[in-house]
Amino acid sequence: MIECENLVKTYRNGDVETTAVKGMSFHIEAGEFVAIMGPSGSGKSTLMHILGCLDTPTSGTYLLDHHDVSKLSDDELADIRRWKIGFVFQSFNLLPRATVLRNVMLPLVYARVPHQERRARAEQALTAAGLDADRWDHLSNQLSGGEQQRVAIARALVNKPNIIFADEPTGNLDTKTGEVVLDAFRELNEKEHHTIILITHELNVAEHANRIIHVQDGGILEDIRNHRAQAAHARHEL
């Protein structure tokens, strides 16, 4: 699904150049649950912006579903972000005085989905995200942090994307609530077969994924299969 070869991203500010991504190469298959982990300034956020078609590399190749992203028009990139990619952010980014259902239906409005389909698809996404139906007509600012993040996950799901990017999704949550949200991502990966790419600076968060790409100083420090997460899941299935 994702093929990156020698990705480089350099920013210029006057005469000063800063290279945030320095020749990264890796592949991510459909249906993987991958954590991209690194400290602040490691290049992980820049990498997410490239993979999420929010930015383009300075050099190197990024193929998404065998399409060279650098050769796509702005309209084609917008279509990819609308239909193939879902984003979940640390700050939720919900409309505070809109109901849960309205928040989740909003991307469908921009996508010009017929009105009669919007509620059904929003309800399906909320069910997949694990939010109880008795909360759907509440305003988003009446929900707990964990519930708001589940609404954000549902909003990311509503256009049925192939890939979900979760950028520090537990950053505003307490440890227990964060675990619940991370379990929701695992269920989406295992039951709904979504490709999940989790961006984090915390090892205990990254360890929920089945694969960890550890980045530092703009390069890949290690790319490992997380046998601990796989073993924990196997025990849970028993």
C-alpha atoms as a PDB file:
ATOM      1  CA  MET A   1       0.000   0.000   0.000  1.00  0.00           C
ATOM      2  CA  ILE A   2       2.762   2.466   0.987  1.00  0.00           C
ATOM      3  CA  GLU A   3       6.193   2.357  -0.659  1.00  0.00           C
ATOM      4  CA  CYS A   4       8.797   4.945   0.304  1.00  0.00           C
ATOM      5  CA  GLU A   5      12.268   5.021  -1.228  1.00  0.00           C
ATOM      6  CA  ASN A   6      14.930   7.475  -0.064  1.00  0.00           C
ATOM      7  CA  LEU A   7      12.441  10.140   1.067  1.00  0.00           C
ATOM      8  CA  VAL A   8      13.979  13.537   1.782  1.00  0.00           C
ATOM      9  CA  LYS A   9      12.212  16.663   3.013  1.00  0.00           C
ATOM     10  CA  THR A  10      14.098  19.931   3.282  1.00  0.00           C
ATOM     11  CA  TYR A  11      12.660  23.254   4.419  1.00  0.00           C
ATOM     12  CA  ARG A  12      14.196  26.586   3.461  1.00  0.00           C
ATOM     13  CA  ASN A  13      13.946  29.757   5.546  1.00  0.00           C
ATOM     14  CA  GLY A  14      15.880  32.449   3.749  1.00  0.00           C
ATOM     15  CA  ASP A  15      19.391  31.066   3.312  1.00  0.00           C
ATOM     16  CA  VAL A  16      18.910  28.446   6.016  1.00  0.00           C
ATOM     17  CA  GLU A  17      18.006  24.887   5.064  1.00  0.00           C
ATOM     18  CA  THR A  18      16.731  22.289   7.509  1.00  0.00           C
ATOM     19  CA  THR A  19      16.365  18.667   6.471  1.00  0.00           C
ATOM     20  CA  ALA A  20      13.638  17.023   8.546  1.00  0.00           C
ATOM     21  CA  VAL A  21      13.527  13.680   6.706  1.00  0.00           C
ATOM     22  CA  LYS A  22      16.845  12.230   5.538  1.00  0.00           C
ATOM     23  CA  GLY A  23      16.553   9.391   3.075  1.00  0.00           C
ATOM     24  CA  MET A  24      13.908   7.167   4.686  1.00  0.00           C
ATOM     25  CA  SER A  25      12.956   3.922   2.914  1.00  0.00           C
ATOM     26  CA  PHE A  26      10.249   1.485   4.028  1.00  0.00           C
ATOM     27  CA  HIS A  27       7.076  -0.295   2.898  1.00  0.00           C
ATOM     28  CA  ILE A  28       3.758  -0.651   4.753  1.00  0.00           C
ATOM     29  CA  GLU A  29       1.350  -3.350   3.621  1.00  0.00           C
ATOM     30  CA  ALA A  30      -2.439  -3.055   3.662  1.00  0.00           C
ATOM     31  CA  GLY A  31      -3.886  -4.121   7.017  1.00  0.00           C
ATOM     32  CA  GLU A  32      -0.789  -3.387   9.107  1.00  0.00           C
ATOM     33  CA  PHE A  33      -0.863  -1.604  12.475  1.00  0.00           C
ATOM     34  CA  VAL A  34       2.336   0.466  12.522  1.00  0.00           C
ATOM     35  CA  ALA A  35       3.663   2.948  15.060  1.00  0.00           C
ATOM     36  CA  ILE A  36       6.069   5.656  13.921  1.00  0.00           C
ATOM     37  CA  MET A  37       7.839   6.627  17.126  1.00  0.00           C
ATOM     38  CA  GLY A  38      10.391   9.286  17.911  1.00  0.00           C
ATOM     39  CA  PRO A  39      11.114  12.314  20.106  1.00  0.00           C
ATOM     40  CA  SER A  40      10.195  15.880  19.220  1.00  0.00           C
ATOM     41  CA  GLY A  41      12.196  16.986  16.190  1.00  0.00           C
ATOM     42  CA  SER A  42      12.862  13.449  14.994  1.00  0.00           C
ATOM     43  CA  GLY A  43      10.989  13.904  11.703  1.00  0.00           C
ATOM     44  CA  LYS A  44       7.962  11.760  12.534  1.00  0.00           C
ATOM     45  CA  SER A  45       5.390  14.540  12.076  1.00  0.00           C
ATOM     46  CA  THR A  46       6.936  15.641   8.780  1.00  0.00           C
ATOM     47  CA  LEU A  47       6.847  12.029   7.645  1.00  0.00           C
ATOM     48  CA  MET A  48       3.177  11.754   8.599  1.00  0.00           C
ATOM     49  CA  HIS A  49       2.379  14.882   6.586  1.00  0.00           C
ATOM     50  CA  ILE A  50       4.045  13.333   3.539  1.00  0.00           C
ATOM     51  CA  LEU A  51       2.340   9.951   3.970  1.00  0.00           C
ATOM     52  CA  GLY A  52      -1.002  11.688   4.562  1.00  0.00           C
ATOM     53  CA  CYS A  53      -0.630  13.722   1.347  1.00  0.00           C
ATOM     54  CA  LEU A  54      -0.540  16.977   3.315  1.00  0.00           C
ATOM     55  CA  ASP A  55       2.984  17.697   2.052  1.00  0.00           C
ATOM     56  CA  THR A  56       5.313  16.418  -0.663  1.00  0.00           C
ATOM     57  CA  PRO A  57       8.908  15.188  -0.368  1.00  0.00           C
ATOM     58  CA  THR A  58      11.796  17.271  -1.692  1.00  0.00           C
ATOM     59  CA  SER A  59      13.209  14.147  -3.283  1.00  0.00           C
ATOM     60  CA  GLY A  60      12.716  10.405  -3.247  1.00  0.00           C
ATOM     61  CA  THR A  61       9.644   8.390  -4.162  1.00  0.00           C
ATOM     62  CA  TYR A  62       6.351   7.884  -2.356  1.00  0.00           C
ATOM     63  CA  LEU A  63       3.918   5.420  -3.926  1.00  0.00           C
ATOM     64  CA  LEU A  64       0.427   5.114  -2.469  1.00  0.00           C
ATOM     65  CA  ASP A  65      -1.495   2.204  -3.950  1.00  0.00           C
ATOM     66  CA  HIS A  66       1.138   2.162  -6.721  1.00  0.00           C
ATOM     67  CA  HIS A  67       0.512   5.826  -7.582  1.00  0.00           C
ATOM     68  CA  ASP A  68       3.416   8.291  -7.443  1.00  0.00           C
ATOM     69  CA  VAL A  69       2.001  10.975  -5.141  1.00  0.00           C
ATOM     70  CA  SER A  70       4.429  13.636  -6.393  1.00  0.00           C
ATOM     71  CA  LYS A  71       2.809  13.455  -9.852  1.00  0.00           C
ATOM     72  CA  LEU A  72      -0.769  13.985  -8.688  1.00  0.00           C
ATOM     73  CA  SER A  73      -2.605  17.285  -9.049  1.00  0.00           C
ATOM     74  CA  ASP A  74      -3.960  19.248  -6.083  1.00  0.00           C
ATOM     75  CA  ASP A  75      -7.475  18.011  -6.883  1.00  0.00           C
ATOM     76  CA  GLU A  76      -6.266  14.399  -7.029  1.00  0.00           C
ATOM     77  CA  LEU A  77      -4.479  14.801  -3.686  1.00  0.00           C
ATOM     78  CA  ALA A  78      -7.636  16.289  -2.175  1.00  0.00           C
ATOM     79  CA  ASP A  79      -9.614  13.271  -3.397  1.00  0.00           C
ATOM     80  CA  ILE A  80      -7.091  10.915  -1.776  1.00  0.00           C
ATOM     81  CA  ARG A  81      -7.357  12.766   1.538  1.00  0.00           C
ATOM     82  CA  ARG A  82     -11.145  12.708   1.297  1.00  0.00           C
ATOM     83  CA  TRP A  83     -11.657   9.068   0.345  1.00  0.00           C
ATOM     84  CA  LYS A  84      -8.541   7.046   1.159  1.00  0.00           C
ATOM     85  CA  ILE A  85      -7.174   8.645   4.335  1.00  0.00           C
ATOM     86  CA  GLY A  86      -8.645   9.404   7.753  1.00  0.00           C
ATOM     87  CA  PHE A  87      -6.942  11.550  10.394  1.00  0.00           C
ATOM     88  CA  VAL A  88      -7.289  11.432  14.184  1.00  0.00           C
ATOM     89  CA  PHE A  89      -5.519  14.167  16.136  1.00  0.00           C
ATOM     90  CA  GLN A  90      -4.505  14.741  19.745  1.00  0.00           C
ATOM     91  CA  SER A  91      -6.843  17.728  20.132  1.00  0.00           C
ATOM     92  CA  PHE A  92      -9.992  15.962  18.766  1.00  0.00           C
ATOM     93  CA  ASN A  93     -10.905  19.018  16.582  1.00  0.00           C
ATOM     94  CA  LEU A  94     -14.649  18.585  17.116  1.00  0.00           C
ATOM     95  CA  LEU A  95     -17.305  21.284  16.817  1.00  0.00           C
ATOM     96  CA  PRO A  96     -18.060  21.864  20.520  1.00  0.00           C
ATOM     97  CA  ARG A  97     -21.720  22.863  20.166  1.00  0.00           C
ATOM     98  CA  ALA A  98     -22.628  20.330  17.524  1.00  0.00           C
ATOM     99  CA  THR A  99     -24.028  16.918  18.331  1.00  0.00           C
ATOM    100  CA  VAL A 100     -21.942  13.786  17.998  1.00  0.00           C
ATOM    101  CA  LEU A 101     -23.874  12.762  14.886  1.00  0.00           C
ATOM    102  CA  ARG A 102     -23.445  16.159  13.253  1.00  0.00           C
ATOM    103  CA  ASN A 103     -19.692  16.090  13.904  1.00  0.00           C
ATOM    104  CA  VAL A 104     -19.374  12.699  12.281  1.00  0.00           C
ATOM    105  CA  MET A 105     -21.630  13.567   9.334  1.00  0.00           C
ATOM    106  CA  LEU A 106     -19.712  16.763   8.498  1.00  0.00           C
ATOM    107  CA  PRO A 107     -17.109  15.105   6.186  1.00  0.00           C
ATOM    108  CA  LEU A 108     -19.997  13.552   4.261  1.00  0.00           C
ATOM    109  CA  VAL A 109     -21.397  17.023   3.593  1.00  0.00           C
ATOM    110  CA  TYR A 110     -18.082  18.128   2.060  1.00  0.00           C
ATOM    111  CA  ALA A 111     -17.937  14.868   0.110  1.00  0.00           C
ATOM    112  CA  ARG A 112     -21.451  15.604  -1.260  1.00  0.00           C
ATOM    113  CA  VAL A 113     -22.868  12.350  -0.001  1.00  0.00           C
ATOM    114  CA  PRO A 114     -26.681  12.408  -0.342  1.00  0.00           C
ATOM    115  CA  HIS A 115     -28.430  13.608   2.801  1.00  0.00           C
ATOM    116  CA  GLN A 116     -30.391  10.380   3.304  1.00  0.00           C
ATOM    117  CA  GLU A 117     -27.168   8.354   3.506  1.00  0.00           C
ATOM    118  CA  ARG A 118     -25.311  10.549   6.000  1.00  0.00           C
ATOM    119  CA  ARG A 119     -26.967   9.487   9.253  1.00  0.00           C
ATOM    120  CA  ALA A 120     -26.747   5.773   8.454  1.00  0.00           C
ATOM    121  CA  ARG A 121     -23.063   6.015   7.632  1.00  0.00           C
ATOM    122  CA  ALA A 122     -22.363   8.147  10.722  1.00  0.00           C
ATOM    123  CA  GLU A 123     -24.133   5.623  12.942  1.00  0.00           C
ATOM    124  CA  GLN A 124     -22.157   2.794  11.373  1.00  0.00           C
ATOM    125  CA  ALA A 125     -18.880   4.646  12.023  1.00  0.00           C
ATOM    126  CA  LEU A 126     -19.810   5.449  15.628  1.00  0.00           C
ATOM    127  CA  THR A 127     -20.668   1.798  16.235  1.00  0.00           C
ATOM    128  CA  ALA A 128     -17.302   0.739  14.798  1.00  0.00           C
ATOM    129  CA  ALA A 129     -15.547   3.301  17.018  1.00  0.00           C
ATOM    130  CA  GLY A 130     -17.314   1.861  20.064  1.00  0.00           C
ATOM    131  CA  LEU A 131     -19.324   4.877  21.234  1.00  0.00           C
ATOM    132  CA  ASP A 132     -22.599   3.943  22.934  1.00  0.00           C
ATOM    133  CA  ALA A 133     -25.702   5.005  21.012  1.00  0.00           C
ATOM    134  CA  ASP A 134     -27.127   6.892  23.977  1.00  0.00           C
ATOM    135  CA  ARG A 135     -24.322   9.466  23.527  1.00  0.00           C
ATOM    136  CA  TRP A 136     -24.910  10.186  19.830  1.00  0.00           C
ATOM    137  CA  ASP A 137     -27.347  13.070  20.350  1.00  0.00           C
ATOM    138  CA  HIS A 138     -25.188  14.766  23.008  1.00  0.00           C
ATOM    139  CA  LEU A 139     -23.127  17.847  22.189  1.00  0.00           C
ATOM    140  CA  SER A 140     -19.460  16.968  21.796  1.00  0.00           C
ATOM    141  CA  ASN A 141     -18.488  19.268  24.680  1.00  0.00           C
ATOM    142  CA  GLN A 142     -20.704  17.181  26.983  1.00  0.00           C
ATOM    143  CA  LEU A 143     -18.537  14.084  26.472  1.00  0.00           C
ATOM    144  CA  SER A 144     -15.487  12.817  28.317  1.00  0.00           C
ATOM    145  CA  GLY A 145     -12.083  13.013  26.642  1.00  0.00           C
ATOM    146  CA  GLY A 146     -12.164   9.340  25.731  1.00  0.00           C
ATOM    147  CA  GLU A 147     -15.643   9.671  24.240  1.00  0.00           C
ATOM    148  CA  GLN A 148     -14.584  12.721  22.227  1.00  0.00           C
ATOM    149  CA  GLN A 149     -11.657  10.783  20.811  1.00  0.00           C
ATOM    150  CA  ARG A 150     -14.009   7.971  19.802  1.00  0.00           C
ATOM    151  CA  VAL A 151     -16.121  10.570  17.963  1.00  0.00           C
ATOM    152  CA  ALA A 152     -12.955  11.770  16.224  1.00  0.00           C
ATOM    153  CA  ILE A 153     -12.185   8.174  15.244  1.00  0.00           C
ATOM    154  CA  ALA A 154     -15.721   7.753  13.880  1.00  0.00           C
ATOM    155  CA  ARG A 155     -15.345  10.958  11.875  1.00  0.00           C
ATOM    156  CA  ALA A 156     -12.109   9.571  10.407  1.00  0.00           C
ATOM    157  CA  LEU A 157     -13.920   6.340   9.505  1.00  0.00           C
ATOM    158  CA  VAL A 158     -17.075   7.788   7.982  1.00  0.00           C
ATOM    159  CA  ASN A 159     -15.722   8.086   4.429  1.00  0.00           C
ATOM    160  CA  LYS A 160     -14.460   4.473   4.648  1.00  0.00           C
ATOM    161  CA  PRO A 161     -10.739   5.238   4.198  1.00  0.00           C
ATOM    162  CA  ASN A 162      -8.078   2.617   3.592  1.00  0.00           C
ATOM    163  CA  ILE A 163      -5.627   4.217   6.023  1.00  0.00           C
ATOM    164  CA  ILE A 164      -6.102   5.942   9.379  1.00  0.00           C
ATOM    165  CA  PHE A 165      -3.362   8.237  10.687  1.00  0.00           C
ATOM    166  CA  ALA A 166      -3.519   8.769  14.455  1.00  0.00           C
ATOM    167  CA  ASP A 167      -1.273  11.652  15.514  1.00  0.00           C
ATOM    168  CA  GLU A 168      -0.557  11.423  19.275  1.00  0.00           C
ATOM    169  CA  PRO A 169      -4.204  10.331  19.810  1.00  0.00           C
ATOM    170  CA  THR A 170      -3.792   9.754  23.565  1.00  0.00           C
ATOM    171  CA  GLY A 171      -1.857  12.954  24.286  1.00  0.00           C
ATOM    172  CA  ASN A 172      -4.808  14.682  25.985  1.00  0.00           C
ATOM    173  CA  LEU A 173      -6.075  11.581  27.800  1.00  0.00           C
ATOM    174  CA  ASP A 174      -5.273   9.966  31.111  1.00  0.00           C
ATOM    175  CA  THR A 175      -3.509   6.606  31.026  1.00  0.00           C
ATOM    176  CA  LYS A 176      -6.601   4.445  31.530  1.00  0.00           C
ATOM    177  CA  THR A 177      -8.661   6.289  28.912  1.00  0.00           C
ATOM    178  CA  GLY A 178      -5.712   6.232  26.529  1.00  0.00           C
ATOM    179  CA  GLU A 179      -5.565   2.455  26.804  1.00  0.00           C
ATOM    180  CA  VAL A 180      -9.250   2.224  25.894  1.00  0.00           C
ATOM    181  CA  VAL A 181      -8.722   4.397  22.812  1.00  0.00           C
ATOM    182  CA  LEU A 182      -5.688   2.360  21.723  1.00  0.00           C
ATOM    183  CA  ASP A 183      -7.734  -0.817  22.127  1.00  0.00           C
ATOM    184  CA  ALA A 184     -10.311   0.744  19.794  1.00  0.00           C
ATOM    185  CA  PHE A 185      -7.615   1.221  17.143  1.00  0.00           C
ATOM    186  CA  ARG A 186      -6.548  -2.406  17.540  1.00  0.00           C
ATOM    187  CA  GLU A 187     -10.137  -3.569  17.057  1.00  0.00           C
ATOM    188  CA  LEU A 188     -10.469  -1.450  13.923  1.00  0.00           C
ATOM    189  CA  ASN A 189      -7.288  -3.025  12.606  1.00  0.00           C
ATOM    190  CA  GLU A 190      -8.201  -6.606  13.458  1.00  0.00           C
ATOM    191  CA  LYS A 191     -11.946  -6.636  12.844  1.00  0.00           C
ATOM    192  CA  GLU A 192     -12.402  -3.971  10.162  1.00  0.00           C
ATOM    193  CA  HIS A 193      -8.954  -4.491   8.560  1.00  0.00           C
ATOM    194  CA  HIS A 194      -8.072  -0.808   8.486  1.00  0.00           C
ATOM    195  CA  THR A 195      -4.427   0.088   8.058  1.00  0.00           C
ATOM    196  CA  ILE A 196      -3.480   2.087  11.164  1.00  0.00           C
ATOM    197  CA  ILE A 197      -0.427   4.368  11.331  1.00  0.00           C
ATOM    198  CA  LEU A 198       0.101   5.660  14.861  1.00  0.00           C
ATOM    199  CA  ILE A 199       2.399   8.650  15.460  1.00  0.00           C
ATOM    200  CA  THR A 200       3.778   8.886  19.000  1.00  0.00           C
ATOM    201  CA  HIS A 201       6.768   9.803  21.128  1.00  0.00           C
ATOM    202  CA  GLU A 202       5.874   7.278  23.830  1.00  0.00           C
ATOM    203  CA  LEU A 203       7.113   3.687  23.784  1.00  0.00           C
ATOM    204  CA  ASN A 204       4.196   2.396  25.863  1.00  0.00           C
ATOM    205  CA  VAL A 205       1.807   3.789  23.223  1.00  0.00           C
ATOM    206  CA  ALA A 206       3.870   2.480  20.288  1.00  0.00           C
ATOM    207  CA  GLU A 207       3.874  -0.999  21.812  1.00  0.00           C
ATOM    208  CA  HIS A 208       0.165  -1.372  21.038  1.00  0.00           C
ATOM    209  CA  ALA A 209       1.110  -1.639  17.348  1.00  0.00           C
ATOM    210  CA  ASN A 210       2.415  -4.774  15.684  1.00  0.00           C
ATOM    211  CA  ARG A 211       5.343  -2.949  14.115  1.00  0.00           C
ATOM    212  CA  ILE A 212       7.406   0.002  15.339  1.00  0.00           C
ATOM    213  CA  ILE A 213       9.394   2.280  13.033  1.00  0.00           C
ATOM    214  CA  HIS A 214      11.679   4.224  15.366  1.00  0.00           C
ATOM    215  CA  VAL A 215      12.855   7.506  13.819  1.00  0.00           C
ATOM    216  CA  GLN A 216      15.533   9.843  15.111  1.00  0.00           C
ATOM    217  CA  ASP A 217      17.298  12.864  13.614  1.00  0.00           C
ATOM    218  CA  GLY A 218      15.384  12.465  10.360  1.00  0.00           C
ATOM    219  CA  GLY A 219      16.326   8.834   9.747  1.00  0.00           C
ATOM    220  CA  ILE A 220      15.082   5.368  10.660  1.00  0.00           C
ATOM    221  CA  LEU A 221      16.838   4.070  13.759  1.00  0.00           C
ATOM    222  CA  GLU A 222      15.126   0.678  13.687  1.00  0.00           C
ATOM    223  CA  ASP A 223      12.116  -1.031  12.111  1.00  0.00           C
ATOM    224  CA  ILE A 224      10.964  -3.954  14.222  1.00  0.00           C
ATOM    225  CA  ARG A 225       8.053  -6.322  14.580  1.00  0.00           C
ATOM    226  CA  ASN A 226       6.554  -5.861  18.018  1.00  0.00           C
ATOM    227  CA  HIS A 227       6.404  -9.418  19.281  1.00  0.00           C
ATOM    228  CA  ARG A 228       5.215  -8.194  22.679  1.00  0.00           C
ATOM    229  CA  ALA A 229       2.006  -6.782  21.164  1.00  0.00           C
ATOM    230  CA  GLN A 230       1.474  -9.896  19.049  1.00  0.00           C
ATOM    231  CA  ALA A 231       1.972 -12.185  22.055  1.00  0.00           C
ATOM    232  CA  ALA A 232      -0.422 -10.100  24.176  1.00  0.00           C
ATOM    233  CA  HIS A 233      -3.061 -10.300  21.483  1.00  0.00           C
ATOM    234  CA  ALA A 234      -2.588 -14.051  21.166  1.00  0.00           C
ATOM    235  CA  ARG A 235      -3.124 -14.443  24.929  1.00  0.00           C
ATOM    236  CA  HIS A 236      -6.256 -12.277  24.718  1.00  0.00           C
ATOM    237  CA  GLU A 237      -7.670 -14.473  21.940  1.00  0.00           C
ATOM    238  CA  LEU A 238      -7.195 -17.540  24.132  1.00  0.00           C
END
